[in-house]
Amino acid sequence: MSDQVAITPRVEAWRAAWQSGDAARVAALYAAHATHDSAKVVMAMPALGRSFLKGQAEIEAYALRAFGRVHPLRFDITRLVETDLGSTVEYIRHAPNAEPLRVCEVLEWRHGKLVAVRVYHF
């Protein structure tokens, strides 16, 4: 990995889960009633009729679909801003047969679990 910044343990756990290709591992990072908001949700799960996921079951289903399309993943973190309650992570997403994609995610944490995630692709 070619990270340009020091990575905290909770952000490394988040990245490792997404890079693992294990949807259950990804969902386990989230609190029971967490949300995950991304424009990619509409494309992957159009039947929901919204751009956000609610709860671990929807998040796990989304991760499973994502891994079916783009895996293995690699996130090279370029910037990380942390507080007790949040992480803002900028990274370059690498996936097979896809151009590298710049992404920023805002991760909100409570008691070691993600309660809200907002994803911005550019």
PDB file of N, CA and C in Angstrom:
ATOM      1  N   MET A   1       0.837  -1.180   0.000  1.00  0.00           N
ATOM      2  CA  MET A   1       0.000   0.000   0.000  1.00  0.00           C
ATOM      3  C   MET A   1       0.877   1.238   0.000  1.00  0.00           C
ATOM      4  N   SER A   2       0.393   2.260  -0.598  1.00  0.00           N
ATOM      5  CA  SER A   2       1.195   3.466  -0.703  1.00  0.00           C
ATOM      6  C   SER A   2       0.538   4.624   0.044  1.00  0.00           C
ATOM      7  N   ASP A   3       0.103   4.371   1.260  1.00  0.00           N
ATOM      8  CA  ASP A   3      -0.525   5.433   2.044  1.00  0.00           C
ATOM      9  C   ASP A   3       0.456   6.575   2.271  1.00  0.00           C
ATOM     10  N   GLN A   4      -0.108   7.779   2.305  1.00  0.00           N
ATOM     11  CA  GLN A   4       0.706   8.963   2.528  1.00  0.00           C
ATOM     12  C   GLN A   4       0.549   9.499   3.947  1.00  0.00           C
ATOM     13  N   VAL A   5      -0.261   8.841   4.772  1.00  0.00           N
ATOM     14  CA  VAL A   5      -0.542   9.319   6.124  1.00  0.00           C
ATOM     15  C   VAL A   5      -0.556   8.132   7.079  1.00  0.00           C
ATOM     16  N   ALA A   6      -0.439   8.440   8.374  1.00  0.00           N
ATOM     17  CA  ALA A   6      -0.571   7.408   9.401  1.00  0.00           C
ATOM     18  C   ALA A   6      -2.046   7.033   9.544  1.00  0.00           C
ATOM     19  N   ILE A   7      -2.317   5.750   9.653  1.00  0.00           N
ATOM     20  CA  ILE A   7      -3.686   5.249   9.706  1.00  0.00           C
ATOM     21  C   ILE A   7      -3.995   4.791  11.129  1.00  0.00           C
ATOM     22  N   THR A   8      -5.121   5.246  11.670  1.00  0.00           N
ATOM     23  CA  THR A   8      -5.532   4.840  13.013  1.00  0.00           C
ATOM     24  C   THR A   8      -6.095   3.416  12.974  1.00  0.00           C
ATOM     25  N   PRO A   9      -6.113   2.722  14.105  1.00  0.00           N
ATOM     26  CA  PRO A   9      -6.612   1.340  14.116  1.00  0.00           C
ATOM     27  C   PRO A   9      -8.059   1.199  13.632  1.00  0.00           C
ATOM     28  N   ARG A  10      -8.942   2.119  14.003  1.00  0.00           N
ATOM     29  CA  ARG A  10     -10.336   1.952  13.575  1.00  0.00           C
ATOM     30  C   ARG A  10     -10.489   2.161  12.074  1.00  0.00           C
ATOM     31  N   VAL A  11      -9.730   3.084  11.512  1.00  0.00           N
ATOM     32  CA  VAL A  11      -9.787   3.286  10.060  1.00  0.00           C
ATOM     33  C   VAL A  11      -9.127   2.111   9.342  1.00  0.00           C
ATOM     34  N   GLU A  12      -8.075   1.573   9.897  1.00  0.00           N
ATOM     35  CA  GLU A  12      -7.458   0.388   9.295  1.00  0.00           C
ATOM     36  C   GLU A  12      -8.424  -0.793   9.329  1.00  0.00           C
ATOM     37  N   ALA A  13      -9.189  -0.951  10.404  1.00  0.00           N
ATOM     38  CA  ALA A  13     -10.186  -2.032  10.479  1.00  0.00           C
ATOM     39  C   ALA A  13     -11.267  -1.839   9.418  1.00  0.00           C
ATOM     40  N   TRP A  14     -11.698  -0.592   9.214  1.00  0.00           N
ATOM     41  CA  TRP A  14     -12.685  -0.275   8.176  1.00  0.00           C
ATOM     42  C   TRP A  14     -12.140  -0.628   6.792  1.00  0.00           C
ATOM     43  N   ARG A  15     -10.921  -0.161   6.512  1.00  0.00           N
ATOM     44  CA  ARG A  15     -10.311  -0.436   5.207  1.00  0.00           C
ATOM     45  C   ARG A  15     -10.113  -1.936   5.010  1.00  0.00           C
ATOM     46  N   ALA A  16      -9.600  -2.627   6.014  1.00  0.00           N
ATOM     47  CA  ALA A  16      -9.349  -4.063   5.893  1.00  0.00           C
ATOM     48  C   ALA A  16     -10.638  -4.842   5.627  1.00  0.00           C
ATOM     49  N   ALA A  17     -11.734  -4.411   6.244  1.00  0.00           N
ATOM     50  CA  ALA A  17     -13.015  -5.087   6.013  1.00  0.00           C
ATOM     51  C   ALA A  17     -13.435  -4.933   4.561  1.00  0.00           C
ATOM     52  N   TRP A  18     -13.393  -3.722   4.021  1.00  0.00           N
ATOM     53  CA  TRP A  18     -13.777  -3.505   2.625  1.00  0.00           C
ATOM     54  C   TRP A  18     -12.830  -4.208   1.670  1.00  0.00           C
ATOM     55  N   GLN A  19     -11.561  -4.237   1.977  1.00  0.00           N
ATOM     56  CA  GLN A  19     -10.598  -4.898   1.091  1.00  0.00           C
ATOM     57  C   GLN A  19     -10.694  -6.418   1.178  1.00  0.00           C
ATOM     58  N   SER A  20     -11.292  -6.945   2.250  1.00  0.00           N
ATOM     59  CA  SER A  20     -11.368  -8.395   2.455  1.00  0.00           C
ATOM     60  C   SER A  20     -12.316  -9.097   1.489  1.00  0.00           C
ATOM     61  N   GLY A  21     -13.321  -8.366   1.004  1.00  0.00           N
ATOM     62  CA  GLY A  21     -14.330  -8.998   0.165  1.00  0.00           C
ATOM     63  C   GLY A  21     -15.369  -9.769   0.960  1.00  0.00           C
ATOM     64  N   ASP A  22     -15.382  -9.605   2.272  1.00  0.00           N
ATOM     65  CA  ASP A  22     -16.302 -10.316   3.164  1.00  0.00           C
ATOM     66  C   ASP A  22     -17.407  -9.355   3.600  1.00  0.00           C
ATOM     67  N   ALA A  23     -18.604  -9.511   3.003  1.00  0.00           N
ATOM     68  CA  ALA A  23     -19.706  -8.591   3.281  1.00  0.00           C
ATOM     69  C   ALA A  23     -20.137  -8.626   4.742  1.00  0.00           C
ATOM     70  N   ALA A  24     -20.108  -9.791   5.375  1.00  0.00           N
ATOM     71  CA  ALA A  24     -20.482  -9.887   6.788  1.00  0.00           C
ATOM     72  C   ALA A  24     -19.485  -9.123   7.659  1.00  0.00           C
ATOM     73  N   ARG A  25     -18.219  -9.172   7.298  1.00  0.00           N
ATOM     74  CA  ARG A  25     -17.194  -8.423   8.044  1.00  0.00           C
ATOM     75  C   ARG A  25     -17.428  -6.925   7.920  1.00  0.00           C
ATOM     76  N   VAL A  26     -17.811  -6.466   6.734  1.00  0.00           N
ATOM     77  CA  VAL A  26     -18.128  -5.048   6.539  1.00  0.00           C
ATOM     78  C   VAL A  26     -19.318  -4.666   7.416  1.00  0.00           C
ATOM     79  N   ALA A  27     -20.404  -5.430   7.330  1.00  0.00           N
ATOM     80  CA  ALA A  27     -21.615  -5.117   8.087  1.00  0.00           C
ATOM     81  C   ALA A  27     -21.361  -5.112   9.588  1.00  0.00           C
ATOM     82  N   ALA A  28     -20.459  -5.947  10.064  1.00  0.00           N
ATOM     83  CA  ALA A  28     -20.157  -6.028  11.502  1.00  0.00           C
ATOM     84  C   ALA A  28     -19.531  -4.746  12.035  1.00  0.00           C
ATOM     85  N   LEU A  29     -18.978  -3.906  11.153  1.00  0.00           N
ATOM     86  CA  LEU A  29     -18.415  -2.628  11.589  1.00  0.00           C
ATOM     87  C   LEU A  29     -19.488  -1.631  12.008  1.00  0.00           C
ATOM     88  N   TYR A  30     -20.708  -1.836  11.512  1.00  0.00           N
ATOM     89  CA  TYR A  30     -21.800  -0.879  11.671  1.00  0.00           C
ATOM     90  C   TYR A  30     -22.673  -1.217  12.876  1.00  0.00           C
ATOM     91  N   ALA A  31     -23.193  -0.186  13.527  1.00  0.00           N
ATOM     92  CA  ALA A  31     -24.196  -0.360  14.571  1.00  0.00           C
ATOM     93  C   ALA A  31     -25.483  -0.888  13.929  1.00  0.00           C
ATOM     94  N   ALA A  32     -26.355  -1.461  14.723  1.00  0.00           N
ATOM     95  CA  ALA A  32     -27.570  -2.108  14.211  1.00  0.00           C
ATOM     96  C   ALA A  32     -28.409  -1.197  13.327  1.00  0.00           C
ATOM     97  N   HIS A  33     -28.539   0.067  13.666  1.00  0.00           N
ATOM     98  CA  HIS A  33     -29.409   0.981  12.909  1.00  0.00           C
ATOM     99  C   HIS A  33     -28.612   2.044  12.149  1.00  0.00           C
ATOM    100  N   ALA A  34     -27.395   1.705  11.773  1.00  0.00           N
ATOM    101  CA  ALA A  34     -26.522   2.643  11.068  1.00  0.00           C
ATOM    102  C   ALA A  34     -27.055   2.955   9.677  1.00  0.00           C
ATOM    103  N   THR A  35     -26.537   4.055   9.112  1.00  0.00           N
ATOM    104  CA  THR A  35     -26.846   4.419   7.733  1.00  0.00           C
ATOM    105  C   THR A  35     -25.553   4.492   6.922  1.00  0.00           C
ATOM    106  N   HIS A  36     -25.695   4.254   5.636  1.00  0.00           N
ATOM    107  CA  HIS A  36     -24.580   4.340   4.688  1.00  0.00           C
ATOM    108  C   HIS A  36     -25.141   5.019   3.449  1.00  0.00           C
ATOM    109  N   ASP A  37     -24.658   6.208   3.140  1.00  0.00           N
ATOM    110  CA  ASP A  37     -25.208   7.026   2.061  1.00  0.00           C
ATOM    111  C   ASP A  37     -24.173   7.174   0.951  1.00  0.00           C
ATOM    112  N   SER A  38     -24.558   6.768  -0.272  1.00  0.00           N
ATOM    113  CA  SER A  38     -23.651   6.839  -1.412  1.00  0.00           C
ATOM    114  C   SER A  38     -24.464   6.827  -2.701  1.00  0.00           C
ATOM    115  N   ALA A  39     -24.034   7.583  -3.681  1.00  0.00           N
ATOM    116  CA  ALA A  39     -24.693   7.553  -4.992  1.00  0.00           C
ATOM    117  C   ALA A  39     -24.622   6.161  -5.605  1.00  0.00           C
ATOM    118  N   LYS A  40     -23.649   5.364  -5.224  1.00  0.00           N
ATOM    119  CA  LYS A  40     -23.508   4.004  -5.754  1.00  0.00           C
ATOM    120  C   LYS A  40     -24.646   3.100  -5.294  1.00  0.00           C
ATOM    121  N   VAL A  41     -25.325   3.439  -4.203  1.00  0.00           N
ATOM    122  CA  VAL A  41     -26.434   2.626  -3.695  1.00  0.00           C
ATOM    123  C   VAL A  41     -27.556   2.563  -4.726  1.00  0.00           C
ATOM    124  N   VAL A  42     -27.870   3.697  -5.332  1.00  0.00           N
ATOM    125  CA  VAL A  42     -28.960   3.751  -6.319  1.00  0.00           C
ATOM    126  C   VAL A  42     -28.659   2.814  -7.490  1.00  0.00           C
ATOM    127  N   MET A  43     -27.423   2.770  -7.922  1.00  0.00           N
ATOM    128  CA  MET A  43     -27.048   1.914  -9.052  1.00  0.00           C
ATOM    129  C   MET A  43     -27.048   0.439  -8.657  1.00  0.00           C
ATOM    130  N   ALA A  44     -26.570   0.130  -7.473  1.00  0.00           N
ATOM    131  CA  ALA A  44     -26.447  -1.264  -7.041  1.00  0.00           C
ATOM    132  C   ALA A  44     -27.764  -1.856  -6.562  1.00  0.00           C
ATOM    133  N   MET A  45     -28.619  -1.016  -5.965  1.00  0.00           N
ATOM    134  CA  MET A  45     -29.867  -1.512  -5.379  1.00  0.00           C
ATOM    135  C   MET A  45     -31.025  -0.582  -5.728  1.00  0.00           C
ATOM    136  N   PRO A  46     -31.364  -0.476  -7.022  1.00  0.00           N
ATOM    137  CA  PRO A  46     -32.387   0.481  -7.442  1.00  0.00           C
ATOM    138  C   PRO A  46     -33.764   0.234  -6.820  1.00  0.00           C
ATOM    139  N   ALA A  47     -34.052  -0.986  -6.440  1.00  0.00           N
ATOM    140  CA  ALA A  47     -35.363  -1.298  -5.848  1.00  0.00           C
ATOM    141  C   ALA A  47     -35.594  -0.556  -4.536  1.00  0.00           C
ATOM    142  N   LEU A  48     -34.528  -0.145  -3.871  1.00  0.00           N
ATOM    143  CA  LEU A  48     -34.689   0.612  -2.624  1.00  0.00           C
ATOM    144  C   LEU A  48     -35.302   1.983  -2.881  1.00  0.00           C
ATOM    145  N   GLY A  49     -35.010   2.556  -4.038  1.00  0.00           N
ATOM    146  CA  GLY A  49     -35.543   3.873  -4.370  1.00  0.00           C
ATOM    147  C   GLY A  49     -34.919   5.005  -3.570  1.00  0.00           C
ATOM    148  N   ARG A  50     -33.701   4.786  -3.086  1.00  0.00           N
ATOM    149  CA  ARG A  50     -33.015   5.821  -2.304  1.00  0.00           C
ATOM    150  C   ARG A  50     -31.509   5.609  -2.397  1.00  0.00           C
ATOM    151  N   SER A  51     -30.775   6.625  -1.987  1.00  0.00           N
ATOM    152  CA  SER A  51     -29.312   6.573  -2.090  1.00  0.00           C
ATOM    153  C   SER A  51     -28.648   6.176  -0.776  1.00  0.00           C
ATOM    154  N   PHE A  52     -29.422   5.731   0.190  1.00  0.00           N
ATOM    155  CA  PHE A  52     -28.814   5.351   1.466  1.00  0.00           C
ATOM    156  C   PHE A  52     -29.353   4.004   1.932  1.00  0.00           C
ATOM    157  N   LEU A  53     -28.527   3.365   2.742  1.00  0.00           N
ATOM    158  CA  LEU A  53     -28.854   2.072   3.331  1.00  0.00           C
ATOM    159  C   LEU A  53     -29.178   2.280   4.804  1.00  0.00           C
ATOM    160  N   LYS A  54     -30.055   1.439   5.332  1.00  0.00           N
ATOM    161  CA  LYS A  54     -30.412   1.498   6.748  1.00  0.00           C
ATOM    162  C   LYS A  54     -30.219   0.120   7.366  1.00  0.00           C
ATOM    163  N   GLY A  55     -29.366   0.037   8.354  1.00  0.00           N
ATOM    164  CA  GLY A  55     -29.189  -1.205   9.090  1.00  0.00           C
ATOM    165  C   GLY A  55     -28.179  -2.153   8.483  1.00  0.00           C
ATOM    166  N   GLN A  56     -27.742  -3.089   9.317  1.00  0.00           N
ATOM    167  CA  GLN A  56     -26.693  -4.015   8.918  1.00  0.00           C
ATOM    168  C   GLN A  56     -27.099  -4.922   7.758  1.00  0.00           C
ATOM    169  N   ALA A  57     -28.358  -5.339   7.698  1.00  0.00           N
ATOM    170  CA  ALA A  57     -28.772  -6.254   6.628  1.00  0.00           C
ATOM    171  C   ALA A  57     -28.653  -5.595   5.255  1.00  0.00           C
ATOM    172  N   GLU A  58     -29.120  -4.345   5.132  1.00  0.00           N
ATOM    173  CA  GLU A  58     -29.000  -3.648   3.846  1.00  0.00           C
ATOM    174  C   GLU A  58     -27.539  -3.375   3.512  1.00  0.00           C
ATOM    175  N   ILE A  59     -26.752  -3.026   4.518  1.00  0.00           N
ATOM    176  CA  ILE A  59     -25.332  -2.752   4.290  1.00  0.00           C
ATOM    177  C   ILE A  59     -24.612  -4.018   3.837  1.00  0.00           C
ATOM    178  N   GLU A  60     -24.927  -5.145   4.448  1.00  0.00           N
ATOM    179  CA  GLU A  60     -24.302  -6.405   4.042  1.00  0.00           C
ATOM    180  C   GLU A  60     -24.715  -6.787   2.612  1.00  0.00           C
ATOM    181  N   ALA A  61     -25.991  -6.622   2.279  1.00  0.00           N
ATOM    182  CA  ALA A  61     -26.453  -6.931   0.924  1.00  0.00           C
ATOM    183  C   ALA A  61     -25.761  -6.043  -0.111  1.00  0.00           C
ATOM    184  N   TYR A  62     -25.604  -4.779   0.213  1.00  0.00           N
ATOM    185  CA  TYR A  62     -24.924  -3.847  -0.682  1.00  0.00           C
ATOM    186  C   TYR A  62     -23.456  -4.250  -0.868  1.00  0.00           C
ATOM    187  N   ALA A  63     -22.768  -4.554   0.229  1.00  0.00           N
ATOM    188  CA  ALA A  63     -21.361  -4.952   0.142  1.00  0.00           C
ATOM    189  C   ALA A  63     -21.218  -6.217  -0.703  1.00  0.00           C
ATOM    190  N   LEU A  64     -22.128  -7.159  -0.534  1.00  0.00           N
ATOM    191  CA  LEU A  64     -22.081  -8.389  -1.318  1.00  0.00           C
ATOM    192  C   LEU A  64     -22.202  -8.080  -2.811  1.00  0.00           C
ATOM    193  N   ARG A  65     -23.120  -7.192  -3.171  1.00  0.00           N
ATOM    194  CA  ARG A  65     -23.264  -6.795  -4.585  1.00  0.00           C
ATOM    195  C   ARG A  65     -22.024  -6.052  -5.073  1.00  0.00           C
ATOM    196  N   ALA A  66     -21.511  -5.171  -4.237  1.00  0.00           N
ATOM    197  CA  ALA A  66     -20.309  -4.420  -4.621  1.00  0.00           C
ATOM    198  C   ALA A  66     -19.149  -5.366  -4.895  1.00  0.00           C
ATOM    199  N   PHE A  67     -18.963  -6.362  -4.033  1.00  0.00           N
ATOM    200  CA  PHE A  67     -17.856  -7.296  -4.220  1.00  0.00           C
ATOM    201  C   PHE A  67     -18.048  -8.153  -5.464  1.00  0.00           C
ATOM    202  N   GLY A  68     -19.297  -8.373  -5.857  1.00  0.00           N
ATOM    203  CA  GLY A  68     -19.562  -9.105  -7.096  1.00  0.00           C
ATOM    204  C   GLY A  68     -19.154  -8.322  -8.329  1.00  0.00           C
ATOM    205  N   ARG A  69     -19.149  -6.995  -8.217  1.00  0.00           N
ATOM    206  CA  ARG A  69     -18.786  -6.126  -9.342  1.00  0.00           C
ATOM    207  C   ARG A  69     -17.324  -5.722  -9.323  1.00  0.00           C
ATOM    208  N   VAL A  70     -16.818  -5.357  -8.173  1.00  0.00           N
ATOM    209  CA  VAL A  70     -15.459  -4.806  -8.075  1.00  0.00           C
ATOM    210  C   VAL A  70     -14.715  -5.430  -6.896  1.00  0.00           C
ATOM    211  N   HIS A  71     -13.947  -6.450  -7.216  1.00  0.00           N
ATOM    212  CA  HIS A  71     -13.106  -7.062  -6.189  1.00  0.00           C
ATOM    213  C   HIS A  71     -11.960  -7.765  -6.879  1.00  0.00           C
ATOM    214  N   PRO A  72     -10.776  -7.760  -6.354  1.00  0.00           N
ATOM    215  CA  PRO A  72     -10.384  -7.174  -5.071  1.00  0.00           C
ATOM    216  C   PRO A  72     -10.300  -5.646  -5.136  1.00  0.00           C
ATOM    217  N   LEU A  73     -10.511  -5.053  -3.986  1.00  0.00           N
ATOM    218  CA  LEU A  73     -10.392  -3.598  -3.826  1.00  0.00           C
ATOM    219  C   LEU A  73      -9.104  -3.269  -3.085  1.00  0.00           C
ATOM    220  N   ARG A  74      -8.581  -2.086  -3.360  1.00  0.00           N
ATOM    221  CA  ARG A  74      -7.474  -1.549  -2.569  1.00  0.00           C
ATOM    222  C   ARG A  74      -7.739  -0.072  -2.374  1.00  0.00           C
ATOM    223  N   PHE A  75      -7.640   0.390  -1.136  1.00  0.00           N
ATOM    224  CA  PHE A  75      -7.815   1.800  -0.807  1.00  0.00           C
ATOM    225  C   PHE A  75      -6.473   2.363  -0.373  1.00  0.00           C
ATOM    226  N   ASP A  76      -5.914   3.283  -1.163  1.00  0.00           N
ATOM    227  CA  ASP A  76      -4.685   3.986  -0.775  1.00  0.00           C
ATOM    228  C   ASP A  76      -5.098   5.310  -0.150  1.00  0.00           C
ATOM    229  N   ILE A  77      -4.944   5.408   1.149  1.00  0.00           N
ATOM    230  CA  ILE A  77      -5.405   6.580   1.889  1.00  0.00           C
ATOM    231  C   ILE A  77      -4.423   7.736   1.694  1.00  0.00           C
ATOM    232  N   THR A  78      -4.970   8.885   1.282  1.00  0.00           N
ATOM    233  CA  THR A  78      -4.151  10.063   1.017  1.00  0.00           C
ATOM    234  C   THR A  78      -4.305  11.148   2.077  1.00  0.00           C
ATOM    235  N   ARG A  79      -5.419  11.107   2.813  1.00  0.00           N
ATOM    236  CA  ARG A  79      -5.646  12.104   3.858  1.00  0.00           C
ATOM    237  C   ARG A  79      -6.602  11.513   4.885  1.00  0.00           C
ATOM    238  N   LEU A  80      -6.330  11.800   6.152  1.00  0.00           N
ATOM    239  CA  LEU A  80      -7.182  11.321   7.232  1.00  0.00           C
ATOM    240  C   LEU A  80      -7.272  12.405   8.293  1.00  0.00           C
ATOM    241  N   VAL A  81      -8.505  12.795   8.622  1.00  0.00           N
ATOM    242  CA  VAL A  81      -8.751  13.748   9.706  1.00  0.00           C
ATOM    243  C   VAL A  81      -9.628  13.029  10.713  1.00  0.00           C
ATOM    244  N   GLU A  82      -9.184  13.023  11.970  1.00  0.00           N
ATOM    245  CA  GLU A  82      -9.871  12.260  13.016  1.00  0.00           C
ATOM    246  C   GLU A  82     -10.282  13.138  14.185  1.00  0.00           C
ATOM    247  N   THR A  83     -11.439  12.812  14.748  1.00  0.00           N
ATOM    248  CA  THR A  83     -11.868  13.310  16.052  1.00  0.00           C
ATOM    249  C   THR A  83     -12.341  12.088  16.829  1.00  0.00           C
ATOM    250  N   ASP A  84     -12.752  12.284  18.070  1.00  0.00           N
ATOM    251  CA  ASP A  84     -13.263  11.153  18.840  1.00  0.00           C
ATOM    252  C   ASP A  84     -14.456  10.500  18.159  1.00  0.00           C
ATOM    253  N   LEU A  85     -15.290  11.307  17.526  1.00  0.00           N
ATOM    254  CA  LEU A  85     -16.549  10.803  16.975  1.00  0.00           C
ATOM    255  C   LEU A  85     -16.544  10.611  15.465  1.00  0.00           C
ATOM    256  N   GLY A  86     -15.472  10.998  14.788  1.00  0.00           N
ATOM    257  CA  GLY A  86     -15.515  10.891  13.342  1.00  0.00           C
ATOM    258  C   GLY A  86     -14.168  10.773  12.672  1.00  0.00           C
ATOM    259  N   SER A  87     -14.212  10.238  11.464  1.00  0.00           N
ATOM    260  CA  SER A  87     -13.038  10.126  10.599  1.00  0.00           C
ATOM    261  C   SER A  87     -13.453  10.608   9.215  1.00  0.00           C
ATOM    262  N   THR A  88     -12.660  11.473   8.628  1.00  0.00           N
ATOM    263  CA  THR A  88     -12.841  11.838   7.232  1.00  0.00           C
ATOM    264  C   THR A  88     -11.643  11.269   6.491  1.00  0.00           C
ATOM    265  N   VAL A  89     -11.934  10.365   5.560  1.00  0.00           N
ATOM    266  CA  VAL A  89     -10.891   9.607   4.881  1.00  0.00           C
ATOM    267  C   VAL A  89     -10.956   9.900   3.384  1.00  0.00           C
ATOM    268  N   GLU A  90      -9.864  10.393   2.840  1.00  0.00           N
ATOM    269  CA  GLU A  90      -9.737  10.536   1.395  1.00  0.00           C
ATOM    270  C   GLU A  90      -8.817   9.425   0.909  1.00  0.00           C
ATOM    271  N   TYR A  91      -9.200   8.797  -0.204  1.00  0.00           N
ATOM    272  CA  TYR A  91      -8.382   7.697  -0.705  1.00  0.00           C
ATOM    273  C   TYR A  91      -8.581   7.522  -2.206  1.00  0.00           C
ATOM    274  N   ILE A  92      -7.667   6.752  -2.775  1.00  0.00           N
ATOM    275  CA  ILE A  92      -7.780   6.339  -4.167  1.00  0.00           C
ATOM    276  C   ILE A  92      -8.218   4.876  -4.146  1.00  0.00           C
ATOM    277  N   ARG A  93      -9.372   4.611  -4.771  1.00  0.00           N
ATOM    278  CA  ARG A  93      -9.878   3.239  -4.831  1.00  0.00           C
ATOM    279  C   ARG A  93      -9.352   2.570  -6.089  1.00  0.00           C
ATOM    280  N   HIS A  94      -8.735   1.422  -5.914  1.00  0.00           N
ATOM    281  CA  HIS A  94      -8.236   0.617  -7.018  1.00  0.00           C
ATOM    282  C   HIS A  94      -9.067  -0.654  -7.097  1.00  0.00           C
ATOM    283  N   ALA A  95      -9.510  -0.985  -8.299  1.00  0.00           N
ATOM    284  CA  ALA A  95     -10.279  -2.204  -8.540  1.00  0.00           C
ATOM    285  C   ALA A  95      -9.955  -2.718  -9.932  1.00  0.00           C
ATOM    286  N   PRO A  96     -10.110  -4.023 -10.154  1.00  0.00           N
ATOM    287  CA  PRO A  96      -9.821  -4.583 -11.480  1.00  0.00           C
ATOM    288  C   PRO A  96     -10.703  -3.964 -12.562  1.00  0.00           C
ATOM    289  N   ASN A  97     -10.127  -3.775 -13.718  1.00  0.00           N
ATOM    290  CA  ASN A  97     -10.850  -3.280 -14.895  1.00  0.00           C
ATOM    291  C   ASN A  97     -11.550  -1.945 -14.664  1.00  0.00           C
ATOM    292  N   ALA A  98     -10.999  -1.136 -13.784  1.00  0.00           N
ATOM    293  CA  ALA A  98     -11.585   0.188 -13.510  1.00  0.00           C
ATOM    294  C   ALA A  98     -10.457   1.189 -13.308  1.00  0.00           C
ATOM    295  N   GLU A  99     -10.703   2.395 -13.752  1.00  0.00           N
ATOM    296  CA  GLU A  99      -9.746   3.470 -13.495  1.00  0.00           C
ATOM    297  C   GLU A  99      -9.716   3.755 -11.992  1.00  0.00           C
ATOM    298  N   PRO A 100      -8.568   4.142 -11.440  1.00  0.00           N
ATOM    299  CA  PRO A 100      -8.543   4.548 -10.040  1.00  0.00           C
ATOM    300  C   PRO A 100      -9.553   5.674  -9.802  1.00  0.00           C
ATOM    301  N   LEU A 101     -10.208   5.634  -8.675  1.00  0.00           N
ATOM    302  CA  LEU A 101     -11.274   6.576  -8.370  1.00  0.00           C
ATOM    303  C   LEU A 101     -10.961   7.299  -7.068  1.00  0.00           C
ATOM    304  N   ARG A 102     -11.054   8.625  -7.083  1.00  0.00           N
ATOM    305  CA  ARG A 102     -10.870   9.419  -5.861  1.00  0.00           C
ATOM    306  C   ARG A 102     -12.169   9.382  -5.069  1.00  0.00           C
ATOM    307  N   VAL A 103     -12.052   9.117  -3.765  1.00  0.00           N
ATOM    308  CA  VAL A 103     -13.216   8.979  -2.898  1.00  0.00           C
ATOM    309  C   VAL A 103     -12.921   9.677  -1.573  1.00  0.00           C
ATOM    310  N   CYS A 104     -13.968  10.243  -0.983  1.00  0.00           N
ATOM    311  CA  CYS A 104     -13.902  10.783   0.373  1.00  0.00           C
ATOM    312  C   CYS A 104     -15.063  10.173   1.151  1.00  0.00           C
ATOM    313  N   GLU A 105     -14.785   9.636   2.320  1.00  0.00           N
ATOM    314  CA  GLU A 105     -15.833   9.079   3.174  1.00  0.00           C
ATOM    315  C   GLU A 105     -15.784   9.765   4.531  1.00  0.00           C
ATOM    316  N   VAL A 106     -16.955  10.103   5.012  1.00  0.00           N
ATOM    317  CA  VAL A 106     -17.107  10.656   6.355  1.00  0.00           C
ATOM    318  C   VAL A 106     -17.699   9.546   7.202  1.00  0.00           C
ATOM    319  N   LEU A 107     -16.935   9.102   8.190  1.00  0.00           N
ATOM    320  CA  LEU A 107     -17.319   7.984   9.048  1.00  0.00           C
ATOM    321  C   LEU A 107     -17.647   8.524  10.437  1.00  0.00           C
ATOM    322  N   GLU A 108     -18.839   8.260  10.924  1.00  0.00           N
ATOM    323  CA  GLU A 108     -19.229   8.671  12.274  1.00  0.00           C
ATOM    324  C   GLU A 108     -19.246   7.441  13.172  1.00  0.00           C
ATOM    325  N   TRP A 109     -18.556   7.534  14.299  1.00  0.00           N
ATOM    326  CA  TRP A 109     -18.368   6.411  15.212  1.00  0.00           C
ATOM    327  C   TRP A 109     -19.060   6.659  16.555  1.00  0.00           C
ATOM    328  N   ARG A 110     -19.639   5.619  17.119  1.00  0.00           N
ATOM    329  CA  ARG A 110     -20.142   5.631  18.498  1.00  0.00           C
ATOM    330  C   ARG A 110     -19.844   4.261  19.100  1.00  0.00           C
ATOM    331  N   HIS A 111     -19.159   4.267  20.221  1.00  0.00           N
ATOM    332  CA  HIS A 111     -18.859   3.023  20.945  1.00  0.00           C
ATOM    333  C   HIS A 111     -18.185   1.988  20.039  1.00  0.00           C
ATOM    334  N   GLY A 112     -17.280   2.453  19.189  1.00  0.00           N
ATOM    335  CA  GLY A 112     -16.506   1.563  18.340  1.00  0.00           C
ATOM    336  C   GLY A 112     -17.208   1.053  17.093  1.00  0.00           C
ATOM    337  N   LYS A 113     -18.439   1.497  16.844  1.00  0.00           N
ATOM    338  CA  LYS A 113     -19.199   1.076  15.663  1.00  0.00           C
ATOM    339  C   LYS A 113     -19.502   2.281  14.786  1.00  0.00           C
ATOM    340  N   LEU A 114     -19.659   2.032  13.505  1.00  0.00           N
ATOM    341  CA  LEU A 114     -20.083   3.082  12.587  1.00  0.00           C
ATOM    342  C   LEU A 114     -21.583   3.305  12.739  1.00  0.00           C
ATOM    343  N   VAL A 115     -21.985   4.562  12.894  1.00  0.00           N
ATOM    344  CA  VAL A 115     -23.414   4.881  12.982  1.00  0.00           C
ATOM    345  C   VAL A 115     -23.910   5.596  11.729  1.00  0.00           C
ATOM    346  N   ALA A 116     -23.002   6.230  10.998  1.00  0.00           N
ATOM    347  CA  ALA A 116     -23.362   6.896   9.750  1.00  0.00           C
ATOM    348  C   ALA A 116     -22.117   7.012   8.884  1.00  0.00           C
ATOM    349  N   VAL A 117     -22.296   6.734   7.600  1.00  0.00           N
ATOM    350  CA  VAL A 117     -21.209   6.876   6.615  1.00  0.00           C
ATOM    351  C   VAL A 117     -21.778   7.613   5.419  1.00  0.00           C
ATOM    352  N   ARG A 118     -21.028   8.608   4.952  1.00  0.00           N
ATOM    353  CA  ARG A 118     -21.374   9.329   3.730  1.00  0.00           C
ATOM    354  C   ARG A 118     -20.196   9.224   2.776  1.00  0.00           C
ATOM    355  N   VAL A 119     -20.490   8.793   1.547  1.00  0.00           N
ATOM    356  CA  VAL A 119     -19.441   8.524   0.554  1.00  0.00           C
ATOM    357  C   VAL A 119     -19.576   9.496  -0.607  1.00  0.00           C
ATOM    358  N   TYR A 120     -18.461  10.102  -0.984  1.00  0.00           N
ATOM    359  CA  TYR A 120     -18.428  11.060  -2.097  1.00  0.00           C
ATOM    360  C   TYR A 120     -17.393  10.583  -3.101  1.00  0.00           C
ATOM    361  N   HIS A 121     -17.822  10.348  -4.338  1.00  0.00           N
ATOM    362  CA  HIS A 121     -16.918   9.931  -5.417  1.00  0.00           C
ATOM    363  C   HIS A 121     -16.672  11.112  -6.342  1.00  0.00           C
ATOM    364  N   PHE A 122     -15.429  11.289  -6.770  1.00  0.00           N
ATOM    365  CA  PHE A 122     -15.113  12.357  -7.708  1.00  0.00           C
ATOM    366  C   PHE A 122     -13.901  12.008  -8.533  1.00  0.00           C
TER     367      PHE A 122
END
